[in-house]
C-alpha atoms as a PDB file:
ATOM      1  CA  MET A   1     106.258 166.490 107.465  1.00  0.00           C
ATOM      2  CA  LYS A   2     105.309 162.356 106.878  1.00  0.00           C
ATOM      3  CA  GLY A   3     102.085 164.015 106.605  1.00  0.00           C
ATOM      4  CA  GLN A   4     103.048 165.272 103.202  1.00  0.00           C
ATOM      5  CA  ILE A   5     105.423 163.266 101.956  1.00  0.00           C
ATOM      6  CA  VAL A   6     102.012 161.059 102.109  1.00  0.00           C
ATOM      7  CA  ASN A   7      99.682 163.934 100.373  1.00  0.00           C
ATOM      8  CA  ILE A   8     103.291 163.483  97.693  1.00  0.00           C
ATOM      9  CA  LEU A   9     102.635 159.895  96.590  1.00  0.00           C
ATOM     10  CA  LYS A  10      98.850 160.021  96.633  1.00  0.00           C
ATOM     11  CA  LYS A  11      99.187 162.623  94.418  1.00  0.00           C
ATOM     12  CA  LEU A  12     101.792 160.957  92.224  1.00  0.00           C
ATOM     13  CA  LEU A  13      99.933 157.706  92.212  1.00  0.00           C
ATOM     14  CA  VAL A  14      96.602 159.123  91.245  1.00  0.00           C
ATOM     15  CA  SER A  15      98.827 161.470  87.480  1.00  0.00           C
ATOM     16  CA  PHE A  16      99.633 158.056  86.841  1.00  0.00           C
ATOM     17  CA  THR A  17      96.400 156.259  87.547  1.00  0.00           C
ATOM     18  CA  CYS A  18      95.029 158.469  84.798  1.00  0.00           C
ATOM     19  CA  LEU A  19      98.271 158.884  82.017  1.00  0.00           C
ATOM     20  CA  ALA A  20      97.444 154.844  82.129  1.00  0.00           C
ATOM     21  CA  LEU A  21      94.170 154.014  81.696  1.00  0.00           C
ATOM     22  CA  PRO A  22      93.306 155.996  78.651  1.00  0.00           C
ATOM     23  CA  HIS A  23      96.552 153.535  76.410  1.00  0.00           C
ATOM     24  CA  VAL A  24      94.631 149.983  78.572  1.00  0.00           C
ATOM     25  CA  ALA A  25      91.142 151.008  77.156  1.00  0.00           C
ATOM     26  CA  MET A  26      93.000 151.095  73.734  1.00  0.00           C
ATOM     27  CA  ALA A  27      95.374 147.876  73.847  1.00  0.00           C
ATOM     28  CA  ASP A  28      94.252 145.761  71.048  1.00  0.00           C
ATOM     29  CA  PRO A  29      91.524 143.435  72.216  1.00  0.00           C
ATOM     30  CA  ALA A  30      92.468 140.287  71.200  1.00  0.00           C
ATOM     31  CA  TRP A  31      95.182 140.036  73.685  1.00  0.00           C
ATOM     32  CA  PHE A  32      93.037 139.547  76.117  1.00  0.00           C
ATOM     33  CA  GLN A  33      90.240 136.948  74.356  1.00  0.00           C
ATOM     34  CA  LEU A  34      89.990 134.050  75.903  1.00  0.00           C
ATOM     35  CA  PRO A  35      91.743 130.593  74.753  1.00  0.00           C
ATOM     36  CA  GLN A  36      89.620 129.148  72.275  1.00  0.00           C
ATOM     37  CA  THR A  37      88.213 125.414  73.004  1.00  0.00           C
ATOM     38  CA  THR A  38      88.715 122.969  70.576  1.00  0.00           C
ATOM     39  CA  VAL A  39      87.658 118.817  70.211  1.00  0.00           C
ATOM     40  CA  TRP A  40      89.711 116.948  68.498  1.00  0.00           C
ATOM     41  CA  THR A  41      88.871 113.329  67.637  1.00  0.00           C
ATOM     42  CA  GLY A  42      90.909 110.926  65.640  1.00  0.00           C
ATOM     43  CA  VAL A  43      93.576 107.670  65.684  1.00  0.00           C
ATOM     44  CA  SER A  44      97.036 107.260  66.442  1.00  0.00           C
ATOM     45  CA  THR A  45     100.255 104.491  67.913  1.00  0.00           C
ATOM     46  CA  LEU A  46      98.939 105.345  70.959  1.00  0.00           C
ATOM     47  CA  GLY A  47      94.602 104.113  70.160  1.00  0.00           C
ATOM     48  CA  THR A  48      91.431 105.925  69.292  1.00  0.00           C
ATOM     49  CA  GLY A  49      90.233 108.075  70.702  1.00  0.00           C
ATOM     50  CA  GLY A  50      89.930 112.080  71.778  1.00  0.00           C
ATOM     51  CA  THR A  51      91.494 115.368  72.758  1.00  0.00           C
ATOM     52  CA  ILE A  52      90.151 119.184  74.462  1.00  0.00           C
ATOM     53  CA  GLY A  53      92.373 122.076  74.222  1.00  0.00           C
ATOM     54  CA  PHE A  54      92.635 125.653  74.333  1.00  0.00           C
ATOM     55  CA  HIS A  55      94.884 128.013  73.699  1.00  0.00           C
ATOM     56  CA  ASN A  56      94.735 132.385  72.858  1.00  0.00           C
ATOM     57  CA  PRO A  57      96.672 132.412  68.668  1.00  0.00           C
ATOM     58  CA  HIS A  58      98.247 135.045  69.712  1.00  0.00           C
ATOM     59  CA  ASP A  59      99.617 132.897  72.990  1.00  0.00           C
ATOM     60  CA  LEU A  60     103.318 130.956  73.110  1.00  0.00           C
ATOM     61  CA  VAL A  61     101.697 128.145  74.759  1.00  0.00           C
ATOM     62  CA  GLY A  62      98.293 125.880  74.502  1.00  0.00           C
ATOM     63  CA  VAL A  63      97.405 122.450  76.344  1.00  0.00           C
ATOM     64  CA  ARG A  64      95.343 119.888  75.483  1.00  0.00           C
ATOM     65  CA  PHE A  65      94.268 116.361  77.369  1.00  0.00           C
ATOM     66  CA  ASN A  66      93.459 113.095  74.802  1.00  0.00           C
ATOM     67  CA  ALA A  67      92.569 109.134  75.542  1.00  0.00           C
ATOM     68  CA  ASN A  68      92.773 106.885  73.932  1.00  0.00           C
ATOM     69  CA  PHE A  69      91.246 103.281  73.707  1.00  0.00           C
ATOM     70  CA  PHE A  70      92.399 100.878  71.308  1.00  0.00           C
ATOM     71  CA  ARG A  71      92.380  96.489  71.621  1.00  0.00           C
ATOM     72  CA  LEU A  72      93.675  93.760  69.144  1.00  0.00           C
ATOM     73  CA  GLY A  73      95.144  90.136  69.436  1.00  0.00           C
ATOM     74  CA  ILE A  74      96.585  87.716  66.736  1.00  0.00           C
ATOM     75  CA  ASN A  75      96.193  84.392  66.438  1.00  0.00           C
ATOM     76  CA  PHE A  76      99.793  82.055  65.121  1.00  0.00           C
ATOM     77  CA  THR A  77     101.243  78.997  65.472  1.00  0.00           C
ATOM     78  CA  GLN A  78     105.632  78.468  65.957  1.00  0.00           C
ATOM     79  CA  SER A  79     107.697  76.251  66.431  1.00  0.00           C
ATOM     80  CA  GLN A  80     104.796  72.649  66.927  1.00  0.00           C
ATOM     81  CA  ALA A  81     103.023  75.539  69.230  1.00  0.00           C
ATOM     82  CA  HIS A  82      99.781  77.323  69.090  1.00  0.00           C
ATOM     83  CA  SER A  83      99.623  81.240  70.555  1.00  0.00           C
ATOM     84  CA  ARG A  84      98.215  84.509  70.432  1.00  0.00           C
ATOM     85  CA  ALA A  85      98.795  87.799  71.454  1.00  0.00           C
ATOM     86  CA  GLN A  86      96.816  90.460  72.829  1.00  0.00           C
ATOM     87  CA  ALA A  87      97.630  94.181  73.056  1.00  0.00           C
ATOM     88  CA  GLN A  88      95.178  96.983  75.198  1.00  0.00           C
ATOM     89  CA  PHE A  89      96.038 100.232  74.538  1.00  0.00           C
ATOM     90  CA  GLN A  90      94.725 102.593  77.416  1.00  0.00           C
ATOM     91  CA  ASN A  91      96.630 105.885  78.243  1.00  0.00           C
ATOM     92  CA  GLU A  92      95.052 109.847  79.522  1.00  0.00           C
ATOM     93  CA  SER A  93      97.669 112.796  78.413  1.00  0.00           C
ATOM     94  CA  ILE A  94      98.453 115.750  79.340  1.00  0.00           C
ATOM     95  CA  TYR A  95     100.408 117.908  76.961  1.00  0.00           C
ATOM     96  CA  ALA A  96     102.028 121.512  76.217  1.00  0.00           C
ATOM     97  CA  ASP A  97     102.084 122.823  72.944  1.00  0.00           C
ATOM     98  CA  ILE A  98     104.324 125.705  72.110  1.00  0.00           C
ATOM     99  CA  TYR A  99     103.995 127.635  69.470  1.00  0.00           C
ATOM    100  CA  PRO A 100     107.310 129.620  68.964  1.00  0.00           C
ATOM    101  CA  TRP A 101     106.142 131.762  65.916  1.00  0.00           C
ATOM    102  CA  HIS A 102     102.224 132.043  67.062  1.00  0.00           C
ATOM    103  CA  LYS A 103     101.309 130.348  63.812  1.00  0.00           C
ATOM    104  CA  ASN A 104     100.784 126.431  63.111  1.00  0.00           C
ATOM    105  CA  PHE A 105     103.079 125.065  64.392  1.00  0.00           C
ATOM    106  CA  HIS A 106     104.257 123.458  67.615  1.00  0.00           C
ATOM    107  CA  PHE A 107     106.431 121.749  69.776  1.00  0.00           C
ATOM    108  CA  THR A 108     104.720 119.361  71.785  1.00  0.00           C
ATOM    109  CA  ILE A 109     105.577 118.127  75.785  1.00  0.00           C
ATOM    110  CA  GLY A 110     103.969 116.101  77.834  1.00  0.00           C
ATOM    111  CA  VAL A 111     102.826 112.438  79.959  1.00  0.00           C
ATOM    112  CA  VAL A 112     101.572 109.966  79.133  1.00  0.00           C
ATOM    113  CA  PHE A 113      99.182 107.961  82.082  1.00  0.00           C
ATOM    114  CA  ASN A 114     100.522 104.966  79.878  1.00  0.00           C
ATOM    115  CA  GLN A 115      98.071 101.425  81.423  1.00  0.00           C
ATOM    116  CA  ASN A 116      99.257  99.307  78.220  1.00  0.00           C
ATOM    117  CA  SER A 117      99.696  95.956  78.269  1.00  0.00           C
ATOM    118  CA  ALA A 118      99.965  93.241  77.181  1.00  0.00           C
ATOM    119  CA  ASN A 119      99.553  89.705  77.067  1.00  0.00           C
ATOM    120  CA  TYR A 120     100.681  86.199  75.285  1.00  0.00           C
ATOM    121  CA  SER A 121      99.616  82.993  75.832  1.00  0.00           C
ATOM    122  CA  SER A 122     101.024  79.791  74.025  1.00  0.00           C
ATOM    123  CA  THR A 123      99.622  76.250  73.856  1.00  0.00           C
ATOM    124  CA  PRO A 124     102.074  73.059  72.803  1.00  0.00           C
ATOM    125  CA  GLU A 125     101.376  70.361  70.595  1.00  0.00           C
ATOM    126  CA  ILE A 126     101.705  67.283  71.970  1.00  0.00           C
ATOM    127  CA  THR A 127     105.242  65.557  70.101  1.00  0.00           C
ATOM    128  CA  GLY A 128     108.616  64.626  70.820  1.00  0.00           C
ATOM    129  CA  ALA A 129     109.645  64.648  74.242  1.00  0.00           C
ATOM    130  CA  LEU A 130     107.070  66.009  75.434  1.00  0.00           C
ATOM    131  CA  LEU A 131     104.018  63.481  74.409  1.00  0.00           C
ATOM    132  CA  GLY A 132     106.971  61.003  76.890  1.00  0.00           C
ATOM    133  CA  PHE A 133     106.756  62.685  79.584  1.00  0.00           C
ATOM    134  CA  ILE A 134     103.326  62.129  79.505  1.00  0.00           C
ATOM    135  CA  LEU A 135     103.317  58.397  79.044  1.00  0.00           C
ATOM    136  CA  ASN A 136     105.934  57.596  81.542  1.00  0.00           C
ATOM    137  CA  SER A 137     104.876  59.990  83.561  1.00  0.00           C
ATOM    138  CA  ASN A 138     100.907  58.655  83.547  1.00  0.00           C
ATOM    139  CA  TYR A 139      99.819  62.450  84.393  1.00  0.00           C
ATOM    140  CA  THR A 140      95.942  62.343  83.183  1.00  0.00           C
ATOM    141  CA  GLY A 141      95.927  66.421  84.007  1.00  0.00           C
ATOM    142  CA  ALA A 142      95.612  69.301  82.033  1.00  0.00           C
ATOM    143  CA  ILE A 143      98.018  69.834  79.778  1.00  0.00           C
ATOM    144  CA  GLY A 144      98.762  74.169  80.765  1.00  0.00           C
ATOM    145  CA  ASN A 145     100.055  75.938  78.755  1.00  0.00           C
ATOM    146  CA  VAL A 146     101.991  79.516  79.090  1.00  0.00           C
ATOM    147  CA  HIS A 147     101.533  83.172  79.577  1.00  0.00           C
ATOM    148  CA  GLY A 148     103.720  86.156  80.000  1.00  0.00           C
ATOM    149  CA  PRO A 149     102.317  89.440  80.874  1.00  0.00           C
ATOM    150  CA  ILE A 150     104.240  92.549  79.652  1.00  0.00           C
ATOM    151  CA  SER A 151     104.059  96.763  81.421  1.00  0.00           C
ATOM    152  CA  PHE A 152     105.582  99.239  80.813  1.00  0.00           C
ATOM    153  CA  ASN A 153     106.159 102.340  83.008  1.00  0.00           C
ATOM    154  CA  PRO A 154     102.928 103.933  84.545  1.00  0.00           C
ATOM    155  CA  ILE A 155     103.441 107.212  83.555  1.00  0.00           C
ATOM    156  CA  ALA A 156     105.788 108.083  79.908  1.00  0.00           C
ATOM    157  CA  PRO A 157     107.103 111.620  78.805  1.00  0.00           C
ATOM    158  CA  TYR A 158     106.208 112.948  75.960  1.00  0.00           C
ATOM    159  CA  PHE A 159     108.021 115.121  72.561  1.00  0.00           C
ATOM    160  CA  GLY A 160     107.186 116.149  69.835  1.00  0.00           C
ATOM    161  CA  PHE A 161     106.171 118.201  67.298  1.00  0.00           C
ATOM    162  CA  GLY A 162     102.995 118.632  65.235  1.00  0.00           C
ATOM    163  CA  TYR A 163     101.284 121.633  62.488  1.00  0.00           C
ATOM    164  CA  ASN A 164      98.136 122.477  62.551  1.00  0.00           C
ATOM    165  CA  VAL A 165      96.200 122.676  59.435  1.00  0.00           C
ATOM    166  CA  ASN A 166      92.518 125.297  58.942  1.00  0.00           C
ATOM    167  CA  THR A 167      89.869 123.953  56.722  1.00  0.00           C
ATOM    168  CA  GLY A 168      87.533 126.810  58.289  1.00  0.00           C
ATOM    169  CA  LYS A 169      86.881 129.265  60.749  1.00  0.00           C
ATOM    170  CA  HIS A 170      85.715 126.258  62.830  1.00  0.00           C
ATOM    171  CA  TRP A 171      87.337 123.312  60.997  1.00  0.00           C
ATOM    172  CA  THR A 172      91.309 122.230  61.913  1.00  0.00           C
ATOM    173  CA  VAL A 173      92.950 119.026  60.877  1.00  0.00           C
ATOM    174  CA  THR A 174      96.493 118.080  63.040  1.00  0.00           C
ATOM    175  CA  PHE A 175      99.499 116.341  62.396  1.00  0.00           C
ATOM    176  CA  ASP A 176     101.155 115.306  65.699  1.00  0.00           C
ATOM    177  CA  ALA A 177     104.179 112.509  65.949  1.00  0.00           C
ATOM    178  CA  GLY A 178     107.472 112.486  68.449  1.00  0.00           C
ATOM    179  CA  ALA A 179     108.037 109.474  71.465  1.00  0.00           C
ATOM    180  CA  ILE A 180     107.829 109.012  74.606  1.00  0.00           C
ATOM    181  CA  TYR A 181     109.537 106.611  76.847  1.00  0.00           C
ATOM    182  CA  GLN A 182     108.624 103.756  78.663  1.00  0.00           C
ATOM    183  CA  GLY A 183     111.106 102.803  79.703  1.00  0.00           C
ATOM    184  CA  ASN A 184     112.303  98.485  80.370  1.00  0.00           C
ATOM    185  CA  GLY A 185     109.182  96.591  80.045  1.00  0.00           C
ATOM    186  CA  ARG A 186     108.858  93.191  82.339  1.00  0.00           C
ATOM    187  CA  ILE A 187     107.983  89.728  80.542  1.00  0.00           C
ATOM    188  CA  ALA A 188     107.123  86.930  83.204  1.00  0.00           C
ATOM    189  CA  LEU A 189     106.674  83.653  81.442  1.00  0.00           C
ATOM    190  CA  ILE A 190     104.300  81.528  83.360  1.00  0.00           C
ATOM    191  CA  PRO A 191     104.314  78.052  82.888  1.00  0.00           C
ATOM    192  CA  THR A 192     100.705  76.176  84.204  1.00  0.00           C
ATOM    193  CA  GLY A 193      99.829  72.346  84.453  1.00  0.00           C
ATOM    194  CA  LEU A 194     101.765  70.001  83.330  1.00  0.00           C
ATOM    195  CA  LEU A 195     103.412  71.768  81.187  1.00  0.00           C
ATOM    196  CA  ALA A 196     105.400  74.031  84.960  1.00  0.00           C
ATOM    197  CA  THR A 197     106.432  69.926  85.975  1.00  0.00           C
ATOM    198  CA  PHE A 198     108.766  69.619  82.767  1.00  0.00           C
ATOM    199  CA  PRO A 199     112.112  70.436  82.766  1.00  0.00           C
ATOM    200  CA  GLN A 200     112.892  70.541  79.514  1.00  0.00           C
ATOM    201  CA  PHE A 201     109.810  72.744  78.095  1.00  0.00           C
ATOM    202  CA  ASN A 202     111.481  75.033  81.142  1.00  0.00           C
ATOM    203  CA  GLN A 203     114.292  75.611  80.206  1.00  0.00           C
ATOM    204  CA  GLN A 204     112.910  76.395  76.792  1.00  0.00           C
ATOM    205  CA  ILE A 205     110.551  78.969  78.383  1.00  0.00           C
ATOM    206  CA  LEU A 206     113.619  80.690  80.431  1.00  0.00           C
ATOM    207  CA  ALA A 207     115.552  80.694  76.447  1.00  0.00           C
ATOM    208  CA  ASN A 208     112.362  82.375  75.672  1.00  0.00           C
ATOM    209  CA  GLY A 209     112.181  84.716  78.176  1.00  0.00           C
ATOM    210  CA  TYR A 210     115.114  86.004  77.188  1.00  0.00           C
ATOM    211  CA  LYS A 211     115.073  86.465  74.213  1.00  0.00           C
ATOM    212  CA  ALA A 212     111.576  88.462  74.891  1.00  0.00           C
ATOM    213  CA  ASP A 213     113.864  90.428  77.377  1.00  0.00           C
ATOM    214  CA  LYS A 214     115.623  91.670  74.805  1.00  0.00           C
ATOM    215  CA  MET A 215     113.170  92.931  72.491  1.00  0.00           C
ATOM    216  CA  ILE A 216     110.433  94.243  74.795  1.00  0.00           C
ATOM    217  CA  ASP A 217     114.375  96.724  76.365  1.00  0.00           C
ATOM    218  CA  LYS A 218     114.014  97.659  72.131  1.00  0.00           C
ATOM    219  CA  MET A 219     110.692  99.276  72.673  1.00  0.00           C
ATOM    220  CA  SER A 220     112.419 101.926  75.174  1.00  0.00           C
ATOM    221  CA  PHE A 221     111.578 104.598  73.567  1.00  0.00           C
ATOM    222  CA  TYR A 222     107.293 103.801  71.475  1.00  0.00           C
ATOM    223  CA  PRO A 223     107.236 106.087  67.841  1.00  0.00           C
ATOM    224  CA  VAL A 224     103.888 107.966  68.262  1.00  0.00           C
ATOM    225  CA  ILE A 225     102.254 109.305  64.903  1.00  0.00           C
ATOM    226  CA  SER A 226      98.881 111.039  65.513  1.00  0.00           C
ATOM    227  CA  PHE A 227      96.322 112.213  63.079  1.00  0.00           C
ATOM    228  CA  GLN A 228      93.397 114.287  64.445  1.00  0.00           C
ATOM    229  CA  VAL A 229      89.464 116.664  62.956  1.00  0.00           C
ATOM    230  CA  GLY A 230      89.449 118.889  65.185  1.00  0.00           C
ATOM    231  CA  TYR A 231      86.560 121.390  65.498  1.00  0.00           C
ATOM    232  CA  ARG A 232      87.073 125.110  66.916  1.00  0.00           C
ATOM    233  CA  PHE A 233      84.639 126.864  69.437  1.00  0.00           C
END
């Protein structure tokens, strides 16, 4: 009896396979294509860089890998101090693009490995109270300066949306807009040389550091706008 049941099950399995194979063979081959590979280069508020992505037009989800780099420095004079602000954008990202209508529009979620950094340095002019302090203390060493590194969370989630404009069989232009959440920034204003021993100046540093913290807290959500030109293989 047991052997008969096994034979019946085998016959049913063979019959089902024979019926199913023709339908599989006639299925739309487009659904079995490998994902298309696209390489982009462009600019964004995260810097300049390149992207490689994989997506089949029939699939709901595509993936992109991105890397950016950019460096900027500004010199300025404020409150009788010569200052310099430097920013370095260096980040890598992994994005998942969701195409809800299988068209050019997409929502994007991802993770940015945030190595962006900034630094502030300032050297005051020797006037007023600082000049009097130097004369009274007979100080002959370096005046020094104040520098303050600024940093954010090393891993930042990204949320946004975008649109692809296909300009031919291979070329595409991609626009993206969104934001990363990089947390509350941290700044430490550190005096060196004579400035480290000047009481009035140290009080001013504490006040300026508090103001800087308040300003940096407003940068927890950093806007990301991107324009890229890509070639689809």
